[in-house]
Amino acid sequence: GMKSPTVTPLQEEGWSSLHSVVNENDFWQKIDELKSLGAQ
């Protein structure tokens, strides 16, 4: 992100919401990496 992602706990235990900023040029590569790490 601009410094680091914002992380907010979800109501479902063991899960969190992450907010961040991604450069347009890196967008699709980042999406593939995030999905492989379990992002939904």
PDB file of all heavy atoms in Angstrom:
ATOM      1  N   GLY A   1       0.824  -1.198   0.000  1.00  0.00           N
ATOM      2  CA  GLY A   1       0.000   0.000   0.000  1.00  0.00           C
ATOM      3  C   GLY A   1       0.857   1.246   0.000  1.00  0.00           C
ATOM      4  O   GLY A   1       2.024   1.228  -0.355  1.00  0.00           O
ATOM      5  N   MET A   2       0.278   2.361   0.422  1.00  0.00           N
ATOM      6  CA  MET A   2       1.019   3.609   0.474  1.00  0.00           C
ATOM      7  C   MET A   2       2.038   3.566   1.614  1.00  0.00           C
ATOM      8  O   MET A   2       3.103   4.141   1.538  1.00  0.00           O
ATOM      9  CB  MET A   2       0.065   4.787   0.627  1.00  0.00           C
ATOM     10  CG  MET A   2      -0.876   4.947  -0.567  1.00  0.00           C
ATOM     11  SD  MET A   2      -2.094   6.247  -0.361  1.00  0.00           S
ATOM     12  CE  MET A   2      -1.066   7.706  -0.479  1.00  0.00           C
ATOM     13  N   LYS A   3       1.675   2.900   2.721  1.00  0.00           N
ATOM     14  CA  LYS A   3       2.619   2.619   3.796  1.00  0.00           C
ATOM     15  C   LYS A   3       2.509   1.136   4.159  1.00  0.00           C
ATOM     16  O   LYS A   3       3.450   0.386   4.077  1.00  0.00           O
ATOM     17  CB  LYS A   3       2.336   3.513   5.002  1.00  0.00           C
ATOM     18  CG  LYS A   3       2.789   4.956   4.787  1.00  0.00           C
ATOM     19  CD  LYS A   3       2.727   5.758   6.069  1.00  0.00           C
ATOM     20  CE  LYS A   3       3.275   7.178   5.845  1.00  0.00           C
ATOM     21  NZ  LYS A   3       3.199   7.986   7.080  1.00  0.00           N
ATOM     22  N   SER A   4       1.302   0.743   4.569  1.00  0.00           N
ATOM     23  CA  SER A   4       1.004  -0.671   4.810  1.00  0.00           C
ATOM     24  C   SER A   4      -0.502  -0.839   4.713  1.00  0.00           C
ATOM     25  O   SER A   4      -1.251   0.132   4.878  1.00  0.00           O
ATOM     26  CB  SER A   4       1.504  -1.093   6.195  1.00  0.00           C
ATOM     27  OG  SER A   4       0.828  -0.390   7.204  1.00  0.00           O
ATOM     28  N   PRO A   5      -0.976  -2.059   4.431  1.00  0.00           N
ATOM     29  CA  PRO A   5      -2.423  -2.259   4.298  1.00  0.00           C
ATOM     30  C   PRO A   5      -3.155  -1.994   5.616  1.00  0.00           C
ATOM     31  O   PRO A   5      -2.592  -2.128   6.698  1.00  0.00           O
ATOM     32  CB  PRO A   5      -2.533  -3.737   3.904  1.00  0.00           C
ATOM     33  CG  PRO A   5      -1.197  -4.108   3.381  1.00  0.00           C
ATOM     34  CD  PRO A   5      -0.218  -3.274   4.149  1.00  0.00           C
ATOM     35  N   THR A   6      -4.411  -1.588   5.486  1.00  0.00           N
ATOM     36  CA  THR A   6      -5.289  -1.483   6.651  1.00  0.00           C
ATOM     37  C   THR A   6      -5.903  -2.856   6.909  1.00  0.00           C
ATOM     38  O   THR A   6      -6.444  -3.475   5.977  1.00  0.00           O
ATOM     39  CB  THR A   6      -6.401  -0.454   6.399  1.00  0.00           C
ATOM     40  OG1 THR A   6      -5.800   0.823   6.153  1.00  0.00           O
ATOM     41  CG2 THR A   6      -7.339  -0.354   7.588  1.00  0.00           C
ATOM     42  N   VAL A   7      -5.821  -3.343   8.142  1.00  0.00           N
ATOM     43  CA  VAL A   7      -6.340  -4.664   8.488  1.00  0.00           C
ATOM     44  C   VAL A   7      -7.442  -4.502   9.535  1.00  0.00           C
ATOM     45  O   VAL A   7      -7.227  -3.909  10.590  1.00  0.00           O
ATOM     46  CB  VAL A   7      -5.228  -5.579   9.036  1.00  0.00           C
ATOM     47  CG1 VAL A   7      -5.809  -6.959   9.379  1.00  0.00           C
ATOM     48  CG2 VAL A   7      -4.084  -5.698   8.027  1.00  0.00           C
ATOM     49  N   THR A   8      -8.639  -5.017   9.218  1.00  0.00           N
ATOM     50  CA  THR A   8      -9.788  -4.902  10.113  1.00  0.00           C
ATOM     51  C   THR A   8     -10.380  -6.301  10.361  1.00  0.00           C
ATOM     52  O   THR A   8     -10.701  -7.003   9.391  1.00  0.00           O
ATOM     53  CB  THR A   8     -10.878  -4.012   9.501  1.00  0.00           C
ATOM     54  OG1 THR A   8     -10.306  -2.746   9.177  1.00  0.00           O
ATOM     55  CG2 THR A   8     -12.034  -3.817  10.464  1.00  0.00           C
ATOM     56  N   PRO A   9     -10.514  -6.716  11.622  1.00  0.00           N
ATOM     57  CA  PRO A   9     -11.082  -8.055  11.904  1.00  0.00           C
ATOM     58  C   PRO A   9     -12.520  -8.174  11.405  1.00  0.00           C
ATOM     59  O   PRO A   9     -13.298  -7.220  11.502  1.00  0.00           O
ATOM     60  CB  PRO A   9     -11.021  -8.139  13.438  1.00  0.00           C
ATOM     61  CG  PRO A   9     -10.009  -7.122  13.846  1.00  0.00           C
ATOM     62  CD  PRO A   9     -10.115  -6.016  12.846  1.00  0.00           C
ATOM     63  N   LEU A  10     -12.874  -9.329  10.870  1.00  0.00           N
ATOM     64  CA  LEU A  10     -14.248  -9.615  10.473  1.00  0.00           C
ATOM     65  C   LEU A  10     -14.987 -10.281  11.622  1.00  0.00           C
ATOM     66  O   LEU A  10     -14.384 -10.773  12.581  1.00  0.00           O
ATOM     67  CB  LEU A  10     -14.249 -10.521   9.241  1.00  0.00           C
ATOM     68  CG  LEU A  10     -13.665  -9.949   7.941  1.00  0.00           C
ATOM     69  CD1 LEU A  10     -13.715 -11.003   6.847  1.00  0.00           C
ATOM     70  CD2 LEU A  10     -14.413  -8.699   7.500  1.00  0.00           C
ATOM     71  N   GLN A  11     -16.302 -10.302  11.488  1.00  0.00           N
ATOM     72  CA  GLN A  11     -17.102 -10.957  12.534  1.00  0.00           C
ATOM     73  C   GLN A  11     -16.788 -12.446  12.587  1.00  0.00           C
ATOM     74  O   GLN A  11     -16.786 -13.057  13.658  1.00  0.00           O
ATOM     75  CB  GLN A  11     -18.586 -10.730  12.264  1.00  0.00           C
ATOM     76  CG  GLN A  11     -19.489 -11.265  13.366  1.00  0.00           C
ATOM     77  CD  GLN A  11     -20.938 -10.886  13.153  1.00  0.00           C
ATOM     78  OE1 GLN A  11     -21.293 -10.317  12.126  1.00  0.00           O
ATOM     79  NE2 GLN A  11     -21.789 -11.197  14.123  1.00  0.00           N
ATOM     80  N   GLU A  12     -16.516 -13.032  11.423  1.00  0.00           N
ATOM     81  CA  GLU A  12     -16.159 -14.447  11.392  1.00  0.00           C
ATOM     82  C   GLU A  12     -14.765 -14.641  11.971  1.00  0.00           C
ATOM     83  O   GLU A  12     -13.792 -14.041  11.511  1.00  0.00           O
ATOM     84  CB  GLU A  12     -16.202 -14.970   9.948  1.00  0.00           C
ATOM     85  CG  GLU A  12     -15.920 -16.460   9.856  1.00  0.00           C
ATOM     86  CD  GLU A  12     -16.039 -16.996   8.434  1.00  0.00           C
ATOM     87  OE1 GLU A  12     -16.613 -16.284   7.574  1.00  0.00           O
ATOM     88  OE2 GLU A  12     -15.563 -18.112   8.188  1.00  0.00           O
ATOM     89  N   GLU A  13     -14.646 -15.440  12.973  1.00  0.00           N
ATOM     90  CA  GLU A  13     -13.373 -15.631  13.665  1.00  0.00           C
ATOM     91  C   GLU A  13     -12.313 -16.190  12.719  1.00  0.00           C
ATOM     92  O   GLU A  13     -12.588 -17.078  11.907  1.00  0.00           O
ATOM     93  CB  GLU A  13     -13.576 -16.585  14.853  1.00  0.00           C
ATOM     94  CG  GLU A  13     -12.357 -16.694  15.744  1.00  0.00           C
ATOM     95  CD  GLU A  13     -12.620 -17.536  16.973  1.00  0.00           C
ATOM     96  OE1 GLU A  13     -13.814 -17.828  17.256  1.00  0.00           O
ATOM     97  OE2 GLU A  13     -11.655 -17.906  17.655  1.00  0.00           O
ATOM     98  N   GLY A  14     -11.115 -15.642  12.847  1.00  0.00           N
ATOM     99  CA  GLY A  14      -9.995 -16.131  12.046  1.00  0.00           C
ATOM    100  C   GLY A  14      -9.845 -15.443  10.702  1.00  0.00           C
ATOM    101  O   GLY A  14      -8.954 -15.791   9.933  1.00  0.00           O
ATOM    102  N   TRP A  15     -10.712 -14.464  10.444  1.00  0.00           N
ATOM    103  CA  TRP A  15     -10.663 -13.752   9.165  1.00  0.00           C
ATOM    104  C   TRP A  15     -10.583 -12.240   9.382  1.00  0.00           C
ATOM    105  O   TRP A  15     -11.083 -11.712  10.379  1.00  0.00           O
ATOM    106  CB  TRP A  15     -11.905 -14.064   8.322  1.00  0.00           C
ATOM    107  CG  TRP A  15     -11.846 -15.422   7.682  1.00  0.00           C
ATOM    108  CD1 TRP A  15     -12.073 -16.627   8.288  1.00  0.00           C
ATOM    109  CD2 TRP A  15     -11.508 -15.696   6.331  1.00  0.00           C
ATOM    110  NE1 TRP A  15     -11.905 -17.658   7.401  1.00  0.00           N
ATOM    111  CE2 TRP A  15     -11.558 -17.107   6.167  1.00  0.00           C
ATOM    112  CE3 TRP A  15     -11.183 -14.921   5.226  1.00  0.00           C
ATOM    113  CZ2 TRP A  15     -11.290 -17.751   4.969  1.00  0.00           C
ATOM    114  CZ3 TRP A  15     -10.917 -15.554   4.020  1.00  0.00           C
ATOM    115  CH2 TRP A  15     -10.963 -16.938   3.893  1.00  0.00           C
ATOM    116  N   SER A  16      -9.959 -11.561   8.407  1.00  0.00           N
ATOM    117  CA  SER A  16      -9.849 -10.095   8.451  1.00  0.00           C
ATOM    118  C   SER A  16     -10.066  -9.521   7.062  1.00  0.00           C
ATOM    119  O   SER A  16      -9.932 -10.226   6.047  1.00  0.00           O
ATOM    120  CB  SER A  16      -8.474  -9.669   8.971  1.00  0.00           C
ATOM    121  OG  SER A  16      -8.304 -10.030  10.318  1.00  0.00           O
ATOM    122  N   SER A  17     -10.390  -8.245   7.039  1.00  0.00           N
ATOM    123  CA  SER A  17     -10.510  -7.500   5.788  1.00  0.00           C
ATOM    124  C   SER A  17      -9.270  -6.620   5.631  1.00  0.00           C
ATOM    125  O   SER A  17      -8.857  -5.938   6.574  1.00  0.00           O
ATOM    126  CB  SER A  17     -11.771  -6.631   5.806  1.00  0.00           C
ATOM    127  OG  SER A  17     -11.817  -5.799   4.661  1.00  0.00           O
ATOM    128  N   LEU A  18      -8.677  -6.640   4.439  1.00  0.00           N
ATOM    129  CA  LEU A  18      -7.500  -5.821   4.154  1.00  0.00           C
ATOM    130  C   LEU A  18      -7.850  -4.789   3.088  1.00  0.00           C
ATOM    131  O   LEU A  18      -8.509  -5.115   2.093  1.00  0.00           O
ATOM    132  CB  LEU A  18      -6.323  -6.676   3.658  1.00  0.00           C
ATOM    133  CG  LEU A  18      -5.495  -7.393   4.731  1.00  0.00           C
ATOM    134  CD1 LEU A  18      -6.269  -8.585   5.289  1.00  0.00           C
ATOM    135  CD2 LEU A  18      -4.161  -7.863   4.147  1.00  0.00           C
ATOM    136  N   HIS A  19      -7.416  -3.559   3.307  1.00  0.00           N
ATOM    137  CA  HIS A  19      -7.618  -2.472   2.347  1.00  0.00           C
ATOM    138  C   HIS A  19      -6.243  -1.955   1.932  1.00  0.00           C
ATOM    139  O   HIS A  19      -5.377  -1.713   2.779  1.00  0.00           O
ATOM    140  CB  HIS A  19      -8.404  -1.322   2.966  1.00  0.00           C
ATOM    141  CG  HIS A  19      -9.763  -1.704   3.447  1.00  0.00           C
ATOM    142  ND1 HIS A  19     -10.747  -0.767   3.694  1.00  0.00           N
ATOM    143  CD2 HIS A  19     -10.327  -2.908   3.710  1.00  0.00           C
ATOM    144  CE1 HIS A  19     -11.844  -1.390   4.107  1.00  0.00           C
ATOM    145  NE2 HIS A  19     -11.608  -2.685   4.135  1.00  0.00           N
ATOM    146  N   SER A  20      -6.049  -1.751   0.631  1.00  0.00           N
ATOM    147  CA  SER A  20      -4.750  -1.272   0.179  1.00  0.00           C
ATOM    148  C   SER A  20      -4.875  -0.603  -1.183  1.00  0.00           C
ATOM    149  O   SER A  20      -5.965  -0.535  -1.762  1.00  0.00           O
ATOM    150  CB  SER A  20      -3.749  -2.427   0.097  1.00  0.00           C
ATOM    151  OG  SER A  20      -2.440  -1.955  -0.132  1.00  0.00           O
ATOM    152  N   VAL A  21      -3.751  -0.097  -1.683  1.00  0.00           N
ATOM    153  CA  VAL A  21      -3.680   0.551  -2.992  1.00  0.00           C
ATOM    154  C   VAL A  21      -2.693  -0.220  -3.859  1.00  0.00           C
ATOM    155  O   VAL A  21      -1.595  -0.564  -3.408  1.00  0.00           O
ATOM    156  CB  VAL A  21      -3.225   2.024  -2.855  1.00  0.00           C
ATOM    157  CG1 VAL A  21      -3.003   2.646  -4.227  1.00  0.00           C
ATOM    158  CG2 VAL A  21      -4.259   2.822  -2.074  1.00  0.00           C
ATOM    159  N   VAL A  22      -3.095  -0.498  -5.097  1.00  0.00           N
ATOM    160  CA  VAL A  22      -2.249  -1.259  -6.017  1.00  0.00           C
ATOM    161  C   VAL A  22      -2.015  -0.446  -7.285  1.00  0.00           C
ATOM    162  O   VAL A  22      -2.957   0.140  -7.832  1.00  0.00           O
ATOM    163  CB  VAL A  22      -2.913  -2.609  -6.395  1.00  0.00           C
ATOM    164  CG1 VAL A  22      -2.039  -3.384  -7.360  1.00  0.00           C
ATOM    165  CG2 VAL A  22      -3.167  -3.429  -5.156  1.00  0.00           C
ATOM    166  N   ASN A  23      -0.775  -0.413  -7.743  1.00  0.00           N
ATOM    167  CA  ASN A  23      -0.462   0.267  -8.994  1.00  0.00           C
ATOM    168  C   ASN A  23      -1.097  -0.466 -10.168  1.00  0.00           C
ATOM    169  O   ASN A  23      -1.113  -1.699 -10.214  1.00  0.00           O
ATOM    170  CB  ASN A  23       1.054   0.349  -9.189  1.00  0.00           C
ATOM    171  CG  ASN A  23       1.442   1.189 -10.376  1.00  0.00           C
ATOM    172  OD1 ASN A  23       1.463   0.734 -11.516  1.00  0.00           O
ATOM    173  ND2 ASN A  23       1.747   2.456 -10.126  1.00  0.00           N
ATOM    174  N   GLU A  24      -1.626   0.303 -11.118  1.00  0.00           N
ATOM    175  CA  GLU A  24      -2.303  -0.261 -12.291  1.00  0.00           C
ATOM    176  C   GLU A  24      -1.415  -1.250 -13.038  1.00  0.00           C
ATOM    177  O   GLU A  24      -1.876  -2.282 -13.519  1.00  0.00           O
ATOM    178  CB  GLU A  24      -2.717   0.886 -13.222  1.00  0.00           C
ATOM    179  CG  GLU A  24      -3.419   0.434 -14.489  1.00  0.00           C
ATOM    180  CD  GLU A  24      -4.858   0.020 -14.245  1.00  0.00           C
ATOM    181  OE1 GLU A  24      -5.478   0.550 -13.303  1.00  0.00           O
ATOM    182  OE2 GLU A  24      -5.357  -0.832 -14.989  1.00  0.00           O
ATOM    183  N   ASN A  25      -0.121  -0.958 -13.130  1.00  0.00           N
ATOM    184  CA  ASN A  25       0.794  -1.814 -13.883  1.00  0.00           C
ATOM    185  C   ASN A  25       0.999  -3.181 -13.222  1.00  0.00           C
ATOM    186  O   ASN A  25       1.352  -4.151 -13.885  1.00  0.00           O
ATOM    187  CB  ASN A  25       2.149  -1.115 -14.048  1.00  0.00           C
ATOM    188  CG  ASN A  25       2.054   0.149 -14.883  1.00  0.00           C
ATOM    189  OD1 ASN A  25       1.229   0.232 -15.784  1.00  0.00           O
ATOM    190  ND2 ASN A  25       2.870   1.134 -14.571  1.00  0.00           N
ATOM    191  N   ASP A  26       0.803  -3.244 -11.881  1.00  0.00           N
ATOM    192  CA  ASP A  26       1.031  -4.497 -11.155  1.00  0.00           C
ATOM    193  C   ASP A  26      -0.268  -5.222 -10.827  1.00  0.00           C
ATOM    194  O   ASP A  26      -0.244  -6.282 -10.195  1.00  0.00           O
ATOM    195  CB  ASP A  26       1.770  -4.207  -9.834  1.00  0.00           C
ATOM    196  CG  ASP A  26       3.100  -3.516 -10.056  1.00  0.00           C
ATOM    197  OD1 ASP A  26       3.728  -3.793 -11.088  1.00  0.00           O
ATOM    198  OD2 ASP A  26       3.501  -2.701  -9.201  1.00  0.00           O
ATOM    199  N   PHE A  27      -1.373  -4.659 -11.274  1.00  0.00           N
ATOM    200  CA  PHE A  27      -2.687  -5.092 -10.810  1.00  0.00           C
ATOM    201  C   PHE A  27      -2.935  -6.591 -10.983  1.00  0.00           C
ATOM    202  O   PHE A  27      -3.190  -7.311 -10.010  1.00  0.00           O
ATOM    203  CB  PHE A  27      -3.761  -4.273 -11.522  1.00  0.00           C
ATOM    204  CG  PHE A  27      -5.160  -4.704 -11.228  1.00  0.00           C
ATOM    205  CD1 PHE A  27      -5.710  -4.486  -9.983  1.00  0.00           C
ATOM    206  CD2 PHE A  27      -5.926  -5.341 -12.187  1.00  0.00           C
ATOM    207  CE1 PHE A  27      -7.002  -4.884  -9.700  1.00  0.00           C
ATOM    208  CE2 PHE A  27      -7.209  -5.736 -11.915  1.00  0.00           C
ATOM    209  CZ  PHE A  27      -7.756  -5.508 -10.663  1.00  0.00           C
ATOM    210  N   TRP A  28      -2.867  -7.090 -12.217  1.00  0.00           N
ATOM    211  CA  TRP A  28      -3.250  -8.481 -12.449  1.00  0.00           C
ATOM    212  C   TRP A  28      -2.265  -9.462 -11.826  1.00  0.00           C
ATOM    213  O   TRP A  28      -2.657 -10.532 -11.330  1.00  0.00           O
ATOM    214  CB  TRP A  28      -3.403  -8.747 -13.947  1.00  0.00           C
ATOM    215  CG  TRP A  28      -4.623  -8.092 -14.500  1.00  0.00           C
ATOM    216  CD1 TRP A  28      -4.690  -7.033 -15.341  1.00  0.00           C
ATOM    217  CD2 TRP A  28      -5.984  -8.426 -14.193  1.00  0.00           C
ATOM    218  NE1 TRP A  28      -5.990  -6.668 -15.591  1.00  0.00           N
ATOM    219  CE2 TRP A  28      -6.812  -7.513 -14.899  1.00  0.00           C
ATOM    220  CE3 TRP A  28      -6.590  -9.388 -13.393  1.00  0.00           C
ATOM    221  CZ2 TRP A  28      -8.202  -7.556 -14.828  1.00  0.00           C
ATOM    222  CZ3 TRP A  28      -7.970  -9.433 -13.321  1.00  0.00           C
ATOM    223  CH2 TRP A  28      -8.756  -8.525 -14.031  1.00  0.00           C
ATOM    224  N   GLN A  29      -1.003  -9.110 -11.798  1.00  0.00           N
ATOM    225  CA  GLN A  29      -0.021  -9.978 -11.139  1.00  0.00           C
ATOM    226  C   GLN A  29      -0.323 -10.085  -9.641  1.00  0.00           C
ATOM    227  O   GLN A  29      -0.254 -11.171  -9.057  1.00  0.00           O
ATOM    228  CB  GLN A  29       1.385  -9.421 -11.343  1.00  0.00           C
ATOM    229  CG  GLN A  29       2.462 -10.242 -10.659  1.00  0.00           C
ATOM    230  CD  GLN A  29       3.834  -9.597 -10.757  1.00  0.00           C
ATOM    231  OE1 GLN A  29       4.031  -8.650 -11.509  1.00  0.00           O
ATOM    232  NE2 GLN A  29       4.777 -10.107  -9.991  1.00  0.00           N
ATOM    233  N   LYS A  30      -0.676  -8.943  -9.036  1.00  0.00           N
ATOM    234  CA  LYS A  30      -1.002  -8.942  -7.608  1.00  0.00           C
ATOM    235  C   LYS A  30      -2.242  -9.794  -7.332  1.00  0.00           C
ATOM    236  O   LYS A  30      -2.301 -10.523  -6.334  1.00  0.00           O
ATOM    237  CB  LYS A  30      -1.251  -7.510  -7.131  1.00  0.00           C
ATOM    238  CG  LYS A  30      -0.055  -6.582  -7.235  1.00  0.00           C
ATOM    239  CD  LYS A  30       1.030  -6.932  -6.255  1.00  0.00           C
ATOM    240  CE  LYS A  30       2.137  -5.878  -6.275  1.00  0.00           C
ATOM    241  NZ  LYS A  30       3.282  -6.264  -5.428  1.00  0.00           N
ATOM    242  N   ILE A  31      -3.243  -9.682  -8.211  1.00  0.00           N
ATOM    243  CA  ILE A  31      -4.475 -10.448  -8.018  1.00  0.00           C
ATOM    244  C   ILE A  31      -4.176 -11.946  -7.987  1.00  0.00           C
ATOM    245  O   ILE A  31      -4.669 -12.686  -7.130  1.00  0.00           O
ATOM    246  CB  ILE A  31      -5.496 -10.130  -9.134  1.00  0.00           C
ATOM    247  CG1 ILE A  31      -5.982  -8.677  -9.022  1.00  0.00           C
ATOM    248  CG2 ILE A  31      -6.688 -11.086  -9.066  1.00  0.00           C
ATOM    249  CD1 ILE A  31      -6.738  -8.368  -7.752  1.00  0.00           C
ATOM    250  N   ASP A  32      -3.369 -12.422  -8.920  1.00  0.00           N
ATOM    251  CA  ASP A  32      -3.020 -13.849  -8.964  1.00  0.00           C
ATOM    252  C   ASP A  32      -2.296 -14.277  -7.685  1.00  0.00           C
ATOM    253  O   ASP A  32      -2.554 -15.354  -7.135  1.00  0.00           O
ATOM    254  CB  ASP A  32      -2.145 -14.136 -10.183  1.00  0.00           C
ATOM    255  CG  ASP A  32      -2.919 -14.018 -11.488  1.00  0.00           C
ATOM    256  OD1 ASP A  32      -4.155 -14.125 -11.448  1.00  0.00           O
ATOM    257  OD2 ASP A  32      -2.283 -13.807 -12.547  1.00  0.00           O
ATOM    258  N   GLU A  33      -1.375 -13.437  -7.210  1.00  0.00           N
ATOM    259  CA  GLU A  33      -0.638 -13.756  -5.985  1.00  0.00           C
ATOM    260  C   GLU A  33      -1.577 -13.802  -4.781  1.00  0.00           C
ATOM    261  O   GLU A  33      -1.467 -14.699  -3.931  1.00  0.00           O
ATOM    262  CB  GLU A  33       0.463 -12.728  -5.741  1.00  0.00           C
ATOM    263  CG  GLU A  33       1.612 -12.774  -6.737  1.00  0.00           C
ATOM    264  CD  GLU A  33       2.697 -11.770  -6.396  1.00  0.00           C
ATOM    265  OE1 GLU A  33       3.261 -11.864  -5.291  1.00  0.00           O
ATOM    266  OE2 GLU A  33       2.983 -10.884  -7.233  1.00  0.00           O
ATOM    267  N   LEU A  34      -2.502 -12.844  -4.706  1.00  0.00           N
ATOM    268  CA  LEU A  34      -3.424 -12.784  -3.574  1.00  0.00           C
ATOM    269  C   LEU A  34      -4.334 -14.012  -3.531  1.00  0.00           C
ATOM    270  O   LEU A  34      -4.575 -14.588  -2.463  1.00  0.00           O
ATOM    271  CB  LEU A  34      -4.261 -11.507  -3.654  1.00  0.00           C
ATOM    272  CG  LEU A  34      -3.497 -10.191  -3.461  1.00  0.00           C
ATOM    273  CD1 LEU A  34      -4.378  -9.001  -3.806  1.00  0.00           C
ATOM    274  CD2 LEU A  34      -2.994 -10.081  -2.038  1.00  0.00           C
ATOM    275  N   LYS A  35      -4.835 -14.423  -4.691  1.00  0.00           N
ATOM    276  CA  LYS A  35      -5.711 -15.597  -4.740  1.00  0.00           C
ATOM    277  C   LYS A  35      -4.957 -16.846  -4.291  1.00  0.00           C
ATOM    278  O   LYS A  35      -5.504 -17.692  -3.582  1.00  0.00           O
ATOM    279  CB  LYS A  35      -6.256 -15.770  -6.161  1.00  0.00           C
ATOM    280  CG  LYS A  35      -7.279 -14.709  -6.552  1.00  0.00           C
ATOM    281  CD  LYS A  35      -7.769 -14.896  -7.981  1.00  0.00           C
ATOM    282  CE  LYS A  35      -8.512 -16.195  -8.156  1.00  0.00           C
ATOM    283  NZ  LYS A  35      -9.021 -16.367  -9.533  1.00  0.00           N
ATOM    284  N   SER A  36      -3.700 -16.952  -4.690  1.00  0.00           N
ATOM    285  CA  SER A  36      -2.912 -18.125  -4.308  1.00  0.00           C
ATOM    286  C   SER A  36      -2.635 -18.167  -2.801  1.00  0.00           C
ATOM    287  O   SER A  36      -2.373 -19.229  -2.246  1.00  0.00           O
ATOM    288  CB  SER A  36      -1.584 -18.145  -5.082  1.00  0.00           C
ATOM    289  OG  SER A  36      -0.730 -17.092  -4.656  1.00  0.00           O
ATOM    290  N   LEU A  37      -2.718 -16.987  -2.151  1.00  0.00           N
ATOM    291  CA  LEU A  37      -2.484 -16.914  -0.702  1.00  0.00           C
ATOM    292  C   LEU A  37      -3.775 -17.050   0.098  1.00  0.00           C
ATOM    293  O   LEU A  37      -3.755 -16.958   1.329  1.00  0.00           O
ATOM    294  CB  LEU A  37      -1.793 -15.589  -0.352  1.00  0.00           C
ATOM    295  CG  LEU A  37      -0.347 -15.434  -0.837  1.00  0.00           C
ATOM    296  CD1 LEU A  37       0.139 -13.999  -0.628  1.00  0.00           C
ATOM    297  CD2 LEU A  37       0.576 -16.414  -0.102  1.00  0.00           C
ATOM    298  N   GLY A  38      -4.888 -17.244  -0.590  1.00  0.00           N
ATOM    299  CA  GLY A  38      -6.152 -17.484   0.098  1.00  0.00           C
ATOM    300  C   GLY A  38      -7.082 -16.297   0.189  1.00  0.00           C
ATOM    301  O   GLY A  38      -8.107 -16.358   0.881  1.00  0.00           O
ATOM    302  N   ALA A  39      -6.759 -15.207  -0.490  1.00  0.00           N
ATOM    303  CA  ALA A  39      -7.635 -14.033  -0.462  1.00  0.00           C
ATOM    304  C   ALA A  39      -8.961 -14.349  -1.151  1.00  0.00           C
ATOM    305  O   ALA A  39      -8.998 -15.040  -2.170  1.00  0.00           O
ATOM    306  CB  ALA A  39      -6.955 -12.853  -1.140  1.00  0.00           C
ATOM    307  N   GLN A  40     -10.049 -13.797  -0.596  1.00  0.00           N
ATOM    308  CA  GLN A  40     -11.379 -14.003  -1.166  1.00  0.00           C
ATOM    309  C   GLN A  40     -12.115 -12.661  -1.220  1.00  0.00           C
ATOM    310  O   GLN A  40     -11.737 -11.700  -0.574  1.00  0.00           O
ATOM    311  CB  GLN A  40     -12.176 -14.990  -0.307  1.00  0.00           C
ATOM    312  CG  GLN A  40     -11.586 -16.386  -0.230  1.00  0.00           C
ATOM    313  CD  GLN A  40     -12.420 -17.298   0.651  1.00  0.00           C
ATOM    314  OE1 GLN A  40     -13.532 -16.946   1.072  1.00  0.00           O
ATOM    315  NE2 GLN A  40     -11.900 -18.491   0.927  1.00  0.00           N
TER     316      GLN A  40
END
